[in-house]
Amino acid sequence: MNTPRVHIVDDDPDIRDGLAWLFDSRGFQTATWDGGQHFLDAAQALQGNWGPAVVLLDMRMAPLSGMVTFEQLKAMGCPWPVLFLTGHGDVGTAVAAVKQGAWDFLEKPFQDNELVDRVQQALTVASAALQDDSQTRRLRQALASLSPREREVLDELIRGHYNKNIADHLGITPRTVEFHRAHIFEKMGVNSAVELAHKLGRLEPID
């Protein structure tokens, strides 16, 4: 699931195939689903390993409507942007879905280029968010790998204290501070205390 993908969920085979052809012809990877339940089952099987993707979701489907499918997808914690395809006067419902976190909606019939542009925008945002999440996760793992003493030195470093001050405050030698500092920088993937502070600014305040 590392390749960005467009999931097309529509119970009308003609629309489903037409959309798949459109996006395939523009160089996108696509997956088609004839109903909400089959799509949700596939999403659930990923066990949170989402990868970048966008969902094109028909509003009117049976037995599982687009809105119910969207709500269940959200309940899984799935981060994929959802773009509703609406018709039959469902604009009000689509607006409500956007207020609940859907990416956008387009009313049928729509312009192919407009749809492709909206999906590309959503994929760009989804990929950036996924990268941010991945970096944040790695940062938390690196932080958790620090020893108690390294954590103490880190807390002093991000307050802008110099090695001698840190040594005096912690009751250790400046050389030991240098040793811990080098280990912290290596584990956190930084080259300076300023860079360390910037990285940690992405996280919640340190305990």
N, C-alpha and C. Protein backbone atom coordinates (compact mmCIF):
# COMPACT_ATOMS: atom_id res chain seq x y z
N MET A 1 0.81 -1.21 0.00
CA MET A 1 0.00 0.00 0.00
C MET A 1 0.85 1.27 0.00
N ASN A 2 2.17 1.19 -0.35
CA ASN A 2 3.00 2.37 -0.36
C ASN A 2 2.74 3.23 -1.59
N THR A 3 2.24 2.63 -2.69
CA THR A 3 1.91 3.40 -3.88
C THR A 3 0.56 4.08 -3.68
N PRO A 4 0.48 5.41 -3.89
CA PRO A 4 -0.82 6.09 -3.73
C PRO A 4 -1.88 5.44 -4.59
N ARG A 5 -3.07 5.33 -4.04
CA ARG A 5 -4.12 4.60 -4.72
C ARG A 5 -5.44 5.35 -4.63
N VAL A 6 -6.26 5.19 -5.67
CA VAL A 6 -7.61 5.74 -5.67
C VAL A 6 -8.58 4.58 -5.52
N HIS A 7 -9.33 4.56 -4.42
CA HIS A 7 -10.35 3.54 -4.19
C HIS A 7 -11.69 4.07 -4.71
N ILE A 8 -12.27 3.33 -5.63
CA ILE A 8 -13.54 3.73 -6.25
C ILE A 8 -14.63 2.81 -5.71
N VAL A 9 -15.56 3.37 -4.95
CA VAL A 9 -16.60 2.58 -4.30
C VAL A 9 -17.95 3.03 -4.86
N ASP A 10 -18.54 2.21 -5.72
CA ASP A 10 -19.81 2.56 -6.37
C ASP A 10 -20.51 1.27 -6.79
N ASP A 11 -21.82 1.18 -6.52
CA ASP A 11 -22.54 -0.05 -6.87
C ASP A 11 -23.04 -0.06 -8.31
N ASP A 12 -22.74 1.01 -9.05
CA ASP A 12 -23.10 1.06 -10.48
C ASP A 12 -21.86 0.64 -11.28
N PRO A 13 -21.91 -0.53 -11.93
CA PRO A 13 -20.71 -1.02 -12.63
C PRO A 13 -20.24 -0.10 -13.75
N ASP A 14 -21.17 0.59 -14.42
CA ASP A 14 -20.76 1.48 -15.52
C ASP A 14 -19.96 2.67 -14.98
N ILE A 15 -20.45 3.27 -13.90
CA ILE A 15 -19.74 4.40 -13.30
C ILE A 15 -18.40 3.94 -12.74
N ARG A 16 -18.43 2.80 -12.07
CA ARG A 16 -17.20 2.24 -11.47
C ARG A 16 -16.14 2.00 -12.53
N ASP A 17 -16.52 1.35 -13.61
CA ASP A 17 -15.56 1.04 -14.67
C ASP A 17 -15.09 2.31 -15.38
N GLY A 18 -16.02 3.25 -15.55
CA GLY A 18 -15.65 4.51 -16.21
C GLY A 18 -14.64 5.30 -15.41
N LEU A 19 -14.84 5.34 -14.10
CA LEU A 19 -13.90 6.06 -13.23
C LEU A 19 -12.55 5.36 -13.19
N ALA A 20 -12.58 4.03 -13.15
CA ALA A 20 -11.32 3.28 -13.15
C ALA A 20 -10.54 3.56 -14.43
N TRP A 21 -11.24 3.58 -15.55
CA TRP A 21 -10.57 3.87 -16.83
C TRP A 21 -9.99 5.28 -16.81
N LEU A 22 -10.75 6.25 -16.32
CA LEU A 22 -10.29 7.64 -16.26
C LEU A 22 -8.99 7.75 -15.47
N PHE A 23 -8.98 7.19 -14.27
CA PHE A 23 -7.80 7.35 -13.42
C PHE A 23 -6.63 6.48 -13.89
N ASP A 24 -6.94 5.29 -14.40
CA ASP A 24 -5.86 4.47 -14.98
C ASP A 24 -5.19 5.21 -16.13
N SER A 25 -6.00 5.88 -16.96
CA SER A 25 -5.45 6.58 -18.13
C SER A 25 -4.61 7.79 -17.73
N ARG A 26 -4.81 8.29 -16.51
CA ARG A 26 -4.03 9.43 -16.02
C ARG A 26 -2.84 8.98 -15.17
N GLY A 27 -2.61 7.67 -15.11
CA GLY A 27 -1.44 7.17 -14.42
C GLY A 27 -1.63 6.88 -12.94
N PHE A 28 -2.87 6.87 -12.47
CA PHE A 28 -3.14 6.55 -11.06
C PHE A 28 -3.30 5.04 -10.88
N GLN A 29 -2.97 4.56 -9.68
CA GLN A 29 -3.29 3.18 -9.29
C GLN A 29 -4.71 3.17 -8.74
N THR A 30 -5.55 2.27 -9.22
CA THR A 30 -6.94 2.25 -8.76
C THR A 30 -7.32 0.88 -8.20
N ALA A 31 -8.33 0.90 -7.36
CA ALA A 31 -8.97 -0.32 -6.86
C ALA A 31 -10.46 -0.04 -6.86
N THR A 32 -11.26 -0.99 -7.36
CA THR A 32 -12.71 -0.77 -7.45
C THR A 32 -13.46 -1.71 -6.52
N TRP A 33 -14.57 -1.19 -5.98
CA TRP A 33 -15.38 -1.93 -5.02
C TRP A 33 -16.85 -1.73 -5.37
N ASP A 34 -17.60 -2.84 -5.36
CA ASP A 34 -19.01 -2.75 -5.77
C ASP A 34 -19.95 -2.43 -4.61
N GLY A 35 -19.39 -2.15 -3.44
CA GLY A 35 -20.22 -1.80 -2.30
C GLY A 35 -19.37 -1.43 -1.10
N GLY A 36 -20.02 -0.78 -0.14
CA GLY A 36 -19.31 -0.30 1.03
C GLY A 36 -18.72 -1.40 1.88
N GLN A 37 -19.44 -2.52 2.04
CA GLN A 37 -18.97 -3.55 2.94
C GLN A 37 -17.68 -4.21 2.45
N HIS A 38 -17.62 -4.52 1.15
CA HIS A 38 -16.41 -5.12 0.59
C HIS A 38 -15.20 -4.19 0.76
N PHE A 39 -15.45 -2.91 0.54
CA PHE A 39 -14.38 -1.93 0.70
C PHE A 39 -13.93 -1.85 2.16
N LEU A 40 -14.88 -1.80 3.08
CA LEU A 40 -14.55 -1.72 4.51
C LEU A 40 -13.79 -2.95 4.98
N ASP A 41 -14.19 -4.12 4.47
CA ASP A 41 -13.48 -5.36 4.84
C ASP A 41 -12.02 -5.28 4.41
N ALA A 42 -11.78 -4.76 3.21
CA ALA A 42 -10.41 -4.65 2.70
C ALA A 42 -9.61 -3.63 3.52
N ALA A 43 -10.25 -2.54 3.89
CA ALA A 43 -9.57 -1.52 4.69
C ALA A 43 -9.24 -2.07 6.07
N GLN A 44 -10.16 -2.81 6.64
CA GLN A 44 -9.94 -3.38 7.97
C GLN A 44 -8.77 -4.36 7.96
N ALA A 45 -8.61 -5.08 6.85
CA ALA A 45 -7.55 -6.08 6.75
C ALA A 45 -6.16 -5.45 6.74
N LEU A 46 -6.08 -4.15 6.48
CA LEU A 46 -4.77 -3.49 6.45
C LEU A 46 -4.20 -3.31 7.85
N GLN A 47 -5.05 -3.46 8.87
CA GLN A 47 -4.60 -3.37 10.27
C GLN A 47 -3.85 -2.06 10.55
N GLY A 48 -4.34 -0.98 9.99
CA GLY A 48 -3.74 0.32 10.26
C GLY A 48 -2.56 0.68 9.38
N ASN A 49 -2.08 -0.24 8.55
CA ASN A 49 -0.99 0.06 7.62
C ASN A 49 -1.58 0.70 6.37
N TRP A 50 -2.05 1.92 6.53
CA TRP A 50 -2.92 2.52 5.53
C TRP A 50 -2.23 2.82 4.21
N GLY A 51 -1.09 3.48 4.26
CA GLY A 51 -0.50 3.96 3.02
C GLY A 51 -1.33 5.12 2.48
N PRO A 52 -0.78 5.86 1.50
CA PRO A 52 -1.51 7.00 0.95
C PRO A 52 -2.59 6.57 -0.03
N ALA A 53 -3.80 7.10 0.14
CA ALA A 53 -4.91 6.75 -0.75
C ALA A 53 -6.01 7.79 -0.63
N VAL A 54 -6.87 7.81 -1.63
CA VAL A 54 -8.07 8.65 -1.63
C VAL A 54 -9.24 7.75 -1.96
N VAL A 55 -10.39 8.05 -1.38
CA VAL A 55 -11.59 7.25 -1.60
C VAL A 55 -12.62 8.07 -2.37
N LEU A 56 -13.06 7.55 -3.52
CA LEU A 56 -14.21 8.12 -4.23
C LEU A 56 -15.42 7.28 -3.83
N LEU A 57 -16.36 7.90 -3.15
CA LEU A 57 -17.45 7.16 -2.52
C LEU A 57 -18.81 7.66 -3.01
N ASP A 58 -19.56 6.76 -3.61
CA ASP A 58 -20.90 7.12 -4.06
C ASP A 58 -21.80 7.30 -2.84
N MET A 59 -22.61 8.35 -2.87
CA MET A 59 -23.47 8.63 -1.71
C MET A 59 -24.60 7.61 -1.59
N ARG A 60 -25.20 7.25 -2.73
CA ARG A 60 -26.36 6.35 -2.70
C ARG A 60 -25.96 4.94 -3.12
N MET A 61 -25.83 4.08 -2.13
CA MET A 61 -25.55 2.67 -2.39
C MET A 61 -26.43 1.84 -1.47
N ALA A 62 -26.62 0.58 -1.84
CA ALA A 62 -27.37 -0.35 -0.99
C ALA A 62 -26.57 -1.65 -0.90
N PRO A 63 -26.64 -2.37 0.22
CA PRO A 63 -27.41 -2.02 1.43
C PRO A 63 -26.70 -1.01 2.31
N LEU A 64 -25.39 -0.78 2.11
CA LEU A 64 -24.65 0.15 2.96
C LEU A 64 -24.50 1.46 2.21
N SER A 65 -25.08 2.53 2.72
CA SER A 65 -25.00 3.82 2.04
C SER A 65 -23.59 4.39 2.12
N GLY A 66 -23.33 5.39 1.28
CA GLY A 66 -22.02 6.03 1.32
C GLY A 66 -21.74 6.68 2.66
N MET A 67 -22.77 7.29 3.26
CA MET A 67 -22.59 7.96 4.54
C MET A 67 -22.24 6.97 5.64
N VAL A 68 -22.92 5.84 5.67
CA VAL A 68 -22.64 4.81 6.69
C VAL A 68 -21.24 4.24 6.46
N THR A 69 -20.89 4.02 5.20
CA THR A 69 -19.54 3.52 4.88
C THR A 69 -18.48 4.50 5.38
N PHE A 70 -18.70 5.78 5.14
CA PHE A 70 -17.78 6.82 5.58
C PHE A 70 -17.65 6.82 7.11
N GLU A 71 -18.77 6.73 7.81
CA GLU A 71 -18.74 6.74 9.27
C GLU A 71 -17.97 5.54 9.82
N GLN A 72 -18.15 4.38 9.20
CA GLN A 72 -17.44 3.19 9.67
C GLN A 72 -15.95 3.27 9.35
N LEU A 73 -15.62 3.88 8.22
CA LEU A 73 -14.21 4.08 7.86
C LEU A 73 -13.54 5.00 8.88
N LYS A 74 -14.24 6.07 9.25
CA LYS A 74 -13.71 6.98 10.27
C LYS A 74 -13.52 6.27 11.60
N ALA A 75 -14.48 5.41 11.95
CA ALA A 75 -14.41 4.69 13.22
C ALA A 75 -13.18 3.78 13.29
N MET A 76 -12.71 3.32 12.13
CA MET A 76 -11.49 2.51 12.07
C MET A 76 -10.23 3.34 12.32
N GLY A 77 -10.37 4.65 12.22
CA GLY A 77 -9.20 5.52 12.32
C GLY A 77 -8.49 5.68 11.00
N CYS A 78 -9.17 5.36 9.91
CA CYS A 78 -8.55 5.44 8.59
C CYS A 78 -8.37 6.91 8.18
N PRO A 79 -7.15 7.30 7.76
CA PRO A 79 -6.88 8.71 7.45
C PRO A 79 -7.16 9.11 5.99
N TRP A 80 -7.63 8.17 5.17
CA TRP A 80 -7.79 8.48 3.74
C TRP A 80 -8.82 9.57 3.52
N PRO A 81 -8.50 10.58 2.72
CA PRO A 81 -9.50 11.58 2.35
C PRO A 81 -10.63 10.93 1.54
N VAL A 82 -11.86 11.31 1.85
CA VAL A 82 -13.03 10.76 1.15
C VAL A 82 -13.69 11.87 0.35
N LEU A 83 -13.86 11.62 -0.95
CA LEU A 83 -14.54 12.54 -1.83
C LEU A 83 -15.84 11.88 -2.27
N PHE A 84 -16.96 12.47 -1.87
CA PHE A 84 -18.27 11.90 -2.20
C PHE A 84 -18.69 12.28 -3.62
N LEU A 85 -19.26 11.31 -4.31
CA LEU A 85 -19.89 11.55 -5.60
C LEU A 85 -21.40 11.52 -5.37
N THR A 86 -22.05 12.64 -5.61
CA THR A 86 -23.45 12.77 -5.23
C THR A 86 -24.35 13.01 -6.44
N GLY A 87 -25.58 12.70 -6.23
CA GLY A 87 -26.62 12.95 -7.22
C GLY A 87 -27.96 12.87 -6.51
N HIS A 88 -29.04 12.92 -7.27
CA HIS A 88 -30.38 12.71 -6.70
C HIS A 88 -30.68 13.67 -5.54
N GLY A 89 -30.14 14.90 -5.62
CA GLY A 89 -30.44 15.87 -4.59
C GLY A 89 -29.79 15.58 -3.25
N ASP A 90 -28.64 14.91 -3.27
CA ASP A 90 -27.97 14.54 -2.01
C ASP A 90 -26.94 15.57 -1.55
N VAL A 91 -26.99 16.75 -2.12
CA VAL A 91 -25.97 17.75 -1.80
C VAL A 91 -25.98 18.10 -0.30
N GLY A 92 -27.17 18.21 0.28
CA GLY A 92 -27.28 18.53 1.71
C GLY A 92 -26.58 17.50 2.57
N THR A 93 -26.77 16.22 2.23
CA THR A 93 -26.11 15.15 2.97
C THR A 93 -24.60 15.21 2.78
N ALA A 94 -24.17 15.53 1.56
CA ALA A 94 -22.74 15.62 1.27
C ALA A 94 -22.09 16.77 2.05
N VAL A 95 -22.78 17.89 2.15
CA VAL A 95 -22.27 19.02 2.93
C VAL A 95 -22.11 18.61 4.39
N ALA A 96 -23.10 17.87 4.91
CA ALA A 96 -23.02 17.38 6.29
C ALA A 96 -21.82 16.45 6.46
N ALA A 97 -21.55 15.63 5.44
CA ALA A 97 -20.41 14.71 5.50
C ALA A 97 -19.10 15.48 5.55
N VAL A 98 -19.00 16.57 4.76
CA VAL A 98 -17.79 17.39 4.76
C VAL A 98 -17.58 18.01 6.15
N LYS A 99 -18.67 18.43 6.78
CA LYS A 99 -18.57 18.99 8.13
C LYS A 99 -18.10 17.94 9.13
N GLN A 100 -18.34 16.66 8.80
CA GLN A 100 -17.92 15.57 9.69
C GLN A 100 -16.54 15.02 9.33
N GLY A 101 -15.89 15.67 8.36
CA GLY A 101 -14.51 15.27 8.07
C GLY A 101 -14.24 14.74 6.68
N ALA A 102 -15.27 14.64 5.83
CA ALA A 102 -15.02 14.22 4.45
C ALA A 102 -14.20 15.31 3.75
N TRP A 103 -13.42 14.90 2.74
CA TRP A 103 -12.55 15.86 2.05
C TRP A 103 -13.36 16.84 1.22
N ASP A 104 -14.31 16.32 0.43
CA ASP A 104 -15.05 17.16 -0.50
C ASP A 104 -16.18 16.34 -1.12
N PHE A 105 -16.95 16.97 -2.01
CA PHE A 105 -17.94 16.22 -2.78
C PHE A 105 -18.07 16.85 -4.16
N LEU A 106 -18.47 16.05 -5.12
CA LEU A 106 -18.76 16.52 -6.47
C LEU A 106 -20.13 16.00 -6.87
N GLU A 107 -20.90 16.87 -7.49
CA GLU A 107 -22.25 16.49 -7.92
C GLU A 107 -22.21 15.96 -9.35
N LYS A 108 -22.86 14.82 -9.56
CA LYS A 108 -22.94 14.25 -10.90
C LYS A 108 -23.93 15.08 -11.74
N PRO A 109 -23.66 15.24 -13.05
CA PRO A 109 -22.44 14.84 -13.76
C PRO A 109 -21.32 15.86 -13.48
N PHE A 110 -20.08 15.37 -13.43
CA PHE A 110 -18.97 16.26 -13.12
C PHE A 110 -17.97 16.24 -14.27
N GLN A 111 -17.10 17.25 -14.28
CA GLN A 111 -16.04 17.34 -15.28
C GLN A 111 -14.91 16.39 -14.89
N ASP A 112 -14.45 15.59 -15.84
CA ASP A 112 -13.37 14.64 -15.55
C ASP A 112 -12.13 15.34 -14.99
N ASN A 113 -11.75 16.45 -15.62
CA ASN A 113 -10.53 17.14 -15.18
C ASN A 113 -10.68 17.69 -13.76
N GLU A 114 -11.87 18.17 -13.45
CA GLU A 114 -12.10 18.70 -12.10
C GLU A 114 -11.98 17.58 -11.07
N LEU A 115 -12.54 16.42 -11.39
CA LEU A 115 -12.47 15.28 -10.47
C LEU A 115 -11.02 14.85 -10.28
N VAL A 116 -10.27 14.73 -11.37
CA VAL A 116 -8.87 14.32 -11.27
C VAL A 116 -8.07 15.34 -10.46
N ASP A 117 -8.34 16.62 -10.68
CA ASP A 117 -7.63 17.66 -9.92
C ASP A 117 -7.93 17.56 -8.43
N ARG A 118 -9.19 17.34 -8.09
CA ARG A 118 -9.56 17.24 -6.66
C ARG A 118 -8.88 16.03 -6.01
N VAL A 119 -8.86 14.92 -6.74
CA VAL A 119 -8.22 13.71 -6.21
C VAL A 119 -6.73 13.92 -6.03
N GLN A 120 -6.09 14.59 -7.01
CA GLN A 120 -4.65 14.85 -6.90
C GLN A 120 -4.35 15.74 -5.69
N GLN A 121 -5.18 16.75 -5.47
CA GLN A 121 -5.00 17.62 -4.31
C GLN A 121 -5.12 16.81 -3.01
N ALA A 122 -6.13 15.95 -2.96
CA ALA A 122 -6.35 15.14 -1.76
C ALA A 122 -5.18 14.18 -1.52
N LEU A 123 -4.67 13.58 -2.60
CA LEU A 123 -3.54 12.67 -2.47
C LEU A 123 -2.29 13.39 -1.97
N THR A 124 -2.07 14.60 -2.46
CA THR A 124 -0.91 15.39 -2.03
C THR A 124 -0.98 15.66 -0.53
N VAL A 125 -2.17 16.07 -0.07
CA VAL A 125 -2.35 16.35 1.36
C VAL A 125 -2.22 15.07 2.17
N ALA A 126 -2.81 13.97 1.68
CA ALA A 126 -2.76 12.69 2.40
C ALA A 126 -1.33 12.18 2.52
N SER A 127 -0.56 12.30 1.45
CA SER A 127 0.82 11.82 1.46
C SER A 127 1.67 12.64 2.43
N ALA A 128 1.45 13.96 2.45
CA ALA A 128 2.20 14.82 3.36
C ALA A 128 1.86 14.50 4.81
N ALA A 129 0.57 14.28 5.08
CA ALA A 129 0.14 13.96 6.44
C ALA A 129 0.71 12.62 6.89
N LEU A 130 0.75 11.67 5.95
CA LEU A 130 1.29 10.35 6.28
C LEU A 130 2.78 10.44 6.59
N GLN A 131 3.50 11.27 5.83
CA GLN A 131 4.93 11.45 6.07
C GLN A 131 5.15 12.10 7.43
N ASP A 132 4.33 13.10 7.76
CA ASP A 132 4.44 13.76 9.06
C ASP A 132 4.18 12.77 10.19
N ASP A 133 3.15 11.94 10.02
CA ASP A 133 2.83 10.94 11.04
C ASP A 133 4.00 9.96 11.23
N SER A 134 4.60 9.55 10.11
CA SER A 134 5.72 8.61 10.16
C SER A 134 6.91 9.22 10.87
N GLN A 135 7.22 10.48 10.56
CA GLN A 135 8.34 11.16 11.19
C GLN A 135 8.09 11.34 12.68
N THR A 136 6.86 11.70 13.03
CA THR A 136 6.52 11.88 14.44
C THR A 136 6.64 10.57 15.19
N ARG A 137 6.20 9.48 14.56
CA ARG A 137 6.29 8.16 15.19
C ARG A 137 7.75 7.77 15.44
N ARG A 138 8.61 8.01 14.43
CA ARG A 138 10.04 7.70 14.60
C ARG A 138 10.66 8.56 15.71
N LEU A 139 10.22 9.82 15.78
CA LEU A 139 10.73 10.72 16.81
C LEU A 139 10.34 10.24 18.20
N ARG A 140 9.11 9.80 18.35
CA ARG A 140 8.65 9.28 19.65
C ARG A 140 9.43 8.01 20.04
N GLN A 141 9.69 7.17 19.05
CA GLN A 141 10.45 5.95 19.32
C GLN A 141 11.87 6.28 19.76
N ALA A 142 12.47 7.27 19.09
CA ALA A 142 13.83 7.68 19.45
C ALA A 142 13.86 8.25 20.86
N LEU A 143 12.85 9.05 21.18
CA LEU A 143 12.76 9.64 22.51
C LEU A 143 12.62 8.57 23.58
N ALA A 144 11.81 7.56 23.28
CA ALA A 144 11.60 6.47 24.24
C ALA A 144 12.86 5.63 24.44
N SER A 145 13.79 5.67 23.46
CA SER A 145 15.00 4.85 23.55
C SER A 145 16.08 5.49 24.43
N LEU A 146 15.87 6.75 24.82
CA LEU A 146 16.87 7.42 25.65
C LEU A 146 16.89 6.84 27.06
N SER A 147 18.09 6.76 27.65
CA SER A 147 18.21 6.32 29.04
C SER A 147 17.72 7.44 29.96
N PRO A 148 17.42 7.12 31.22
CA PRO A 148 16.99 8.18 32.15
C PRO A 148 17.98 9.34 32.22
N ARG A 149 19.29 9.04 32.25
CA ARG A 149 20.30 10.10 32.31
C ARG A 149 20.31 10.92 31.03
N GLU A 150 20.20 10.24 29.87
CA GLU A 150 20.14 10.96 28.59
C GLU A 150 18.92 11.87 28.55
N ARG A 151 17.84 11.41 29.10
CA ARG A 151 16.62 12.23 29.12
C ARG A 151 16.84 13.50 29.97
N GLU A 152 17.56 13.34 31.08
CA GLU A 152 17.87 14.49 31.93
C GLU A 152 18.74 15.50 31.18
N VAL A 153 19.75 14.98 30.47
CA VAL A 153 20.63 15.85 29.70
C VAL A 153 19.85 16.53 28.58
N LEU A 154 18.98 15.79 27.93
CA LEU A 154 18.15 16.36 26.86
C LEU A 154 17.31 17.52 27.39
N ASP A 155 16.67 17.32 28.54
CA ASP A 155 15.84 18.39 29.11
C ASP A 155 16.66 19.66 29.34
N GLU A 156 17.91 19.49 29.76
CA GLU A 156 18.78 20.64 29.98
C GLU A 156 19.18 21.29 28.65
N LEU A 157 19.47 20.45 27.66
CA LEU A 157 19.91 20.96 26.35
C LEU A 157 18.84 21.85 25.70
N ILE A 158 17.61 21.39 25.74
CA ILE A 158 16.56 22.14 25.04
C ILE A 158 16.17 23.40 25.80
N ARG A 159 16.67 23.53 27.02
CA ARG A 159 16.48 24.79 27.76
C ARG A 159 17.62 25.77 27.46
N GLY A 160 18.54 25.33 26.61
CA GLY A 160 19.62 26.21 26.19
C GLY A 160 20.81 26.24 27.12
N HIS A 161 20.90 25.29 28.04
CA HIS A 161 22.01 25.27 29.00
C HIS A 161 23.28 24.73 28.34
N TYR A 162 24.43 25.27 28.79
CA TYR A 162 25.72 24.82 28.28
C TYR A 162 26.18 23.58 29.04
N ASN A 163 27.18 22.90 28.45
CA ASN A 163 27.65 21.64 29.05
C ASN A 163 28.08 21.80 30.51
N LYS A 164 28.80 22.90 30.79
CA LYS A 164 29.29 23.09 32.17
C LYS A 164 28.13 23.26 33.15
N ASN A 165 27.11 24.05 32.73
CA ASN A 165 25.94 24.25 33.59
C ASN A 165 25.20 22.94 33.82
N ILE A 166 25.08 22.14 32.73
CA ILE A 166 24.40 20.85 32.83
C ILE A 166 25.17 19.94 33.79
N ALA A 167 26.48 19.93 33.66
CA ALA A 167 27.33 19.09 34.51
C ALA A 167 27.15 19.47 35.98
N ASP A 168 27.17 20.79 36.26
CA ASP A 168 27.01 21.26 37.64
C ASP A 168 25.63 20.88 38.19
N HIS A 169 24.62 21.05 37.34
CA HIS A 169 23.25 20.81 37.79
C HIS A 169 22.99 19.33 38.06
N LEU A 170 23.58 18.47 37.24
CA LEU A 170 23.33 17.03 37.37
C LEU A 170 24.38 16.32 38.21
N GLY A 171 25.44 17.04 38.61
CA GLY A 171 26.47 16.44 39.44
C GLY A 171 27.35 15.44 38.68
N ILE A 172 27.62 15.74 37.39
CA ILE A 172 28.47 14.89 36.57
C ILE A 172 29.54 15.77 35.93
N THR A 173 30.51 15.16 35.27
CA THR A 173 31.59 15.94 34.65
C THR A 173 31.16 16.45 33.26
N PRO A 174 31.72 17.56 32.79
CA PRO A 174 31.42 18.06 31.45
C PRO A 174 31.70 17.00 30.37
N ARG A 175 32.74 16.19 30.56
CA ARG A 175 33.06 15.14 29.58
C ARG A 175 31.92 14.12 29.51
N THR A 176 31.34 13.79 30.67
CA THR A 176 30.20 12.86 30.67
C THR A 176 29.01 13.47 29.97
N VAL A 177 28.82 14.78 30.16
CA VAL A 177 27.73 15.48 29.45
C VAL A 177 27.95 15.37 27.95
N GLU A 178 29.19 15.58 27.50
CA GLU A 178 29.51 15.47 26.07
C GLU A 178 29.20 14.08 25.54
N PHE A 179 29.52 13.08 26.33
CA PHE A 179 29.26 11.69 25.95
C PHE A 179 27.76 11.47 25.75
N HIS A 180 26.96 11.91 26.74
CA HIS A 180 25.50 11.74 26.64
C HIS A 180 24.93 12.57 25.49
N ARG A 181 25.46 13.77 25.34
CA ARG A 181 24.99 14.66 24.27
C ARG A 181 25.17 14.01 22.90
N ALA A 182 26.36 13.41 22.69
CA ALA A 182 26.63 12.76 21.41
C ALA A 182 25.67 11.60 21.16
N HIS A 183 25.38 10.84 22.21
CA HIS A 183 24.45 9.73 22.08
C HIS A 183 23.03 10.22 21.77
N ILE A 184 22.62 11.28 22.44
CA ILE A 184 21.29 11.85 22.22
C ILE A 184 21.15 12.31 20.77
N PHE A 185 22.16 13.06 20.29
CA PHE A 185 22.11 13.56 18.91
C PHE A 185 22.03 12.41 17.91
N GLU A 186 22.81 11.36 18.18
CA GLU A 186 22.80 10.20 17.27
C GLU A 186 21.43 9.52 17.25
N LYS A 187 20.87 9.29 18.44
CA LYS A 187 19.57 8.61 18.51
C LYS A 187 18.44 9.45 17.91
N MET A 188 18.51 10.77 18.11
CA MET A 188 17.44 11.64 17.64
C MET A 188 17.65 12.10 16.21
N GLY A 189 18.83 11.78 15.64
CA GLY A 189 19.09 12.13 14.24
C GLY A 189 19.25 13.62 14.01
N VAL A 190 19.95 14.31 14.94
CA VAL A 190 20.17 15.75 14.81
C VAL A 190 21.66 16.06 14.95
N ASN A 191 22.02 17.30 14.60
CA ASN A 191 23.42 17.73 14.68
C ASN A 191 23.63 18.87 15.66
N SER A 192 22.55 19.41 16.21
CA SER A 192 22.70 20.53 17.14
C SER A 192 21.53 20.56 18.11
N ALA A 193 21.72 21.31 19.20
CA ALA A 193 20.65 21.46 20.18
C ALA A 193 19.47 22.23 19.61
N VAL A 194 19.76 23.18 18.72
CA VAL A 194 18.68 23.95 18.08
C VAL A 194 17.81 23.03 17.22
N GLU A 195 18.46 22.17 16.41
CA GLU A 195 17.72 21.22 15.58
C GLU A 195 16.91 20.27 16.45
N LEU A 196 17.50 19.87 17.58
CA LEU A 196 16.80 18.99 18.52
C LEU A 196 15.53 19.67 19.05
N ALA A 197 15.66 20.94 19.43
CA ALA A 197 14.51 21.67 19.96
C ALA A 197 13.41 21.81 18.90
N HIS A 198 13.81 22.06 17.64
CA HIS A 198 12.82 22.16 16.56
C HIS A 198 12.07 20.85 16.37
N LYS A 199 12.81 19.75 16.39
CA LYS A 199 12.18 18.44 16.21
C LYS A 199 11.21 18.14 17.34
N LEU A 200 11.64 18.41 18.55
CA LEU A 200 10.79 18.12 19.70
C LEU A 200 9.56 19.03 19.74
N GLY A 201 9.66 20.17 19.06
CA GLY A 201 8.51 21.07 18.98
C GLY A 201 7.34 20.46 18.22
N ARG A 202 7.63 19.39 17.44
CA ARG A 202 6.56 18.70 16.71
C ARG A 202 5.71 17.84 17.65
N LEU A 203 6.27 17.53 18.81
CA LEU A 203 5.58 16.65 19.73
C LEU A 203 4.89 17.45 20.82
N GLU A 204 4.12 16.76 21.64
CA GLU A 204 3.52 17.39 22.80
C GLU A 204 4.64 17.78 23.76
N PRO A 205 4.37 18.71 24.67
CA PRO A 205 5.43 19.11 25.63
C PRO A 205 6.03 17.89 26.33
N ILE A 206 7.35 17.91 26.51
CA ILE A 206 8.04 16.80 27.16
C ILE A 206 7.67 16.77 28.63
N ASP A 207 7.47 15.56 29.13
CA ASP A 207 7.12 15.42 30.54
C ASP A 207 8.24 15.98 31.41
